[in-house]
C-alpha atoms as a PDB file:
ATOM      1  CA  MET A   1       0.000   0.000   0.000  1.00  0.00           C
ATOM      2  CA  ALA A   2       1.190   3.489  -0.787  1.00  0.00           C
ATOM      3  CA  HIS A   3      -0.063   7.030  -0.465  1.00  0.00           C
ATOM      4  CA  ILE A   4      -1.271   8.251  -3.838  1.00  0.00           C
ATOM      5  CA  ILE A   5      -1.510  12.011  -4.267  1.00  0.00           C
ATOM      6  CA  ILE A   6      -3.460  13.460  -7.187  1.00  0.00           C
ATOM      7  CA  GLN A   7      -3.686  17.163  -7.972  1.00  0.00           C
ATOM      8  CA  HIS A   8      -6.533  18.548 -10.044  1.00  0.00           C
ATOM      9  CA  ARG A   9      -7.607  22.027 -10.981  1.00  0.00           C
ATOM     10  CA  VAL A  10     -11.397  22.187 -11.119  1.00  0.00           C
ATOM     11  CA  ALA A  11     -13.684  24.856 -12.519  1.00  0.00           C
ATOM     12  CA  ASP A  12     -15.739  24.946  -9.309  1.00  0.00           C
ATOM     13  CA  PHE A  13     -15.069  22.921  -6.152  1.00  0.00           C
ATOM     14  CA  ASP A  14     -18.747  22.841  -5.157  1.00  0.00           C
ATOM     15  CA  THR A  15     -19.641  21.276  -8.520  1.00  0.00           C
ATOM     16  CA  TRP A  16     -16.712  18.844  -8.460  1.00  0.00           C
ATOM     17  CA  ARG A  17     -17.145  17.472  -4.915  1.00  0.00           C
ATOM     18  CA  PRO A  18     -20.529  15.693  -5.309  1.00  0.00           C
ATOM     19  CA  VAL A  19     -19.379  13.974  -8.523  1.00  0.00           C
ATOM     20  CA  TYR A  20     -16.197  12.856  -6.761  1.00  0.00           C
ATOM     21  CA  GLU A  21     -18.184  11.546  -3.777  1.00  0.00           C
ATOM     22  CA  ALA A  22     -20.569   9.634  -6.058  1.00  0.00           C
ATOM     23  CA  ASP A  23     -17.594   7.727  -7.483  1.00  0.00           C
ATOM     24  CA  GLN A  24     -16.596   6.262  -4.107  1.00  0.00           C
ATOM     25  CA  PRO A  25     -17.801   2.747  -5.057  1.00  0.00           C
ATOM     26  CA  GLY A  26     -15.539   2.818  -8.133  1.00  0.00           C
ATOM     27  CA  ARG A  27     -12.529   3.805  -6.039  1.00  0.00           C
ATOM     28  CA  LYS A  28     -13.326   1.083  -3.516  1.00  0.00           C
ATOM     29  CA  GLU A  29     -13.605  -1.495  -6.318  1.00  0.00           C
ATOM     30  CA  ALA A  30     -10.117  -0.472  -7.493  1.00  0.00           C
ATOM     31  CA  GLY A  31      -8.765  -0.928  -3.972  1.00  0.00           C
ATOM     32  CA  VAL A  32      -8.348   2.793  -3.333  1.00  0.00           C
ATOM     33  CA  THR A  33      -9.115   4.190   0.125  1.00  0.00           C
ATOM     34  CA  ASP A  34      -9.871   7.891   0.532  1.00  0.00           C
ATOM     35  CA  ILE A  35      -7.732   9.672   3.102  1.00  0.00           C
ATOM     36  CA  ALA A  36      -8.079  13.409   2.506  1.00  0.00           C
ATOM     37  CA  ILE A  37      -9.229  16.088   0.114  1.00  0.00           C
ATOM     38  CA  LEU A  38      -7.200  19.277   0.413  1.00  0.00           C
ATOM     39  CA  ARG A  39      -7.657  22.678  -1.208  1.00  0.00           C
ATOM     40  CA  ASP A  40      -4.995  25.252  -1.923  1.00  0.00           C
ATOM     41  CA  ALA A  41      -5.410  28.221   0.436  1.00  0.00           C
ATOM     42  CA  ASP A  42      -4.693  30.664  -2.407  1.00  0.00           C
ATOM     43  CA  ASP A  43      -6.751  28.830  -5.044  1.00  0.00           C
ATOM     44  CA  PRO A  44      -9.747  26.901  -3.659  1.00  0.00           C
ATOM     45  CA  ASN A  45     -10.275  25.248  -7.064  1.00  0.00           C
ATOM     46  CA  SER A  46      -6.867  23.568  -6.861  1.00  0.00           C
ATOM     47  CA  VAL A  47      -7.618  20.219  -5.232  1.00  0.00           C
ATOM     48  CA  TRP A  48      -5.217  17.668  -3.777  1.00  0.00           C
ATOM     49  CA  ILE A  49      -6.598  14.172  -3.197  1.00  0.00           C
ATOM     50  CA  VAL A  50      -4.762  11.690  -0.967  1.00  0.00           C
ATOM     51  CA  HIS A  51      -5.551   7.975  -1.233  1.00  0.00           C
ATOM     52  CA  ASP A  52      -4.103   4.734   0.000  1.00  0.00           C
ATOM     53  CA  GLY A  53      -3.839   2.026  -2.622  1.00  0.00           C
ATOM     54  CA  ASP A  54      -1.742   0.111  -5.065  1.00  0.00           C
ATOM     55  CA  PRO A  55      -0.171   2.548  -7.573  1.00  0.00           C
ATOM     56  CA  ALA A  56      -0.258  -0.191 -10.229  1.00  0.00           C
ATOM     57  CA  LEU A  57      -4.066  -0.221 -10.013  1.00  0.00           C
ATOM     58  CA  VAL A  58      -4.542   3.547 -10.016  1.00  0.00           C
ATOM     59  CA  GLY A  59      -3.199   4.038 -13.555  1.00  0.00           C
ATOM     60  CA  PRO A  60      -5.811   1.771 -15.154  1.00  0.00           C
ATOM     61  CA  MET A  61      -8.527   3.273 -12.944  1.00  0.00           C
ATOM     62  CA  MET A  62      -7.596   6.815 -13.989  1.00  0.00           C
ATOM     63  CA  SER A  63      -7.384   5.919 -17.699  1.00  0.00           C
ATOM     64  CA  ASP A  64     -10.881   4.421 -17.781  1.00  0.00           C
ATOM     65  CA  PRO A  65     -12.939   6.376 -20.387  1.00  0.00           C
ATOM     66  CA  GLU A  66     -15.982   6.426 -18.059  1.00  0.00           C
ATOM     67  CA  ARG A  67     -13.883   8.015 -15.320  1.00  0.00           C
ATOM     68  CA  ALA A  68     -12.544  10.579 -17.804  1.00  0.00           C
ATOM     69  CA  ALA A  69     -16.131  11.497 -18.729  1.00  0.00           C
ATOM     70  CA  LYS A  70     -17.069  11.825 -15.047  1.00  0.00           C
ATOM     71  CA  MET A  71     -14.037  14.035 -14.422  1.00  0.00           C
ATOM     72  CA  GLN A  72     -15.016  16.245 -17.339  1.00  0.00           C
ATOM     73  CA  GLU A  73     -18.607  16.403 -16.035  1.00  0.00           C
ATOM     74  CA  ALA A  74     -17.230  17.411 -12.639  1.00  0.00           C
ATOM     75  CA  GLY A  75     -15.264  20.270 -14.161  1.00  0.00           C
ATOM     76  CA  VAL A  76     -11.706  18.909 -13.851  1.00  0.00           C
ATOM     77  CA  THR A  77      -9.603  21.201 -16.005  1.00  0.00           C
ATOM     78  CA  SER A  78      -6.166  19.629 -15.490  1.00  0.00           C
END
C-alpha cells in the first residue's frame, strides 16, 4: 500500500465534490481508500486528493474512459 496524491484544478469545487463523492464505489472497487481532500489556500479550485492504494491499479482506474467522462462532467480542467 502506498499514499497516492493526485492534484486537479477544477472549474468549481462545489460542482466537483458531489461527482467525486458519487464515485466512491468505483474507487473502492479499485482498492483505493480515501484519506483526505485538500484545497490550496490561495486557489480553492486547486484540489489535492490523498488515497491509499496500489499505484499499479490507479493508472488503469484513472485511464478508464468512463472516469474521464465523469471528471469532465465534474469540471476537472487539469
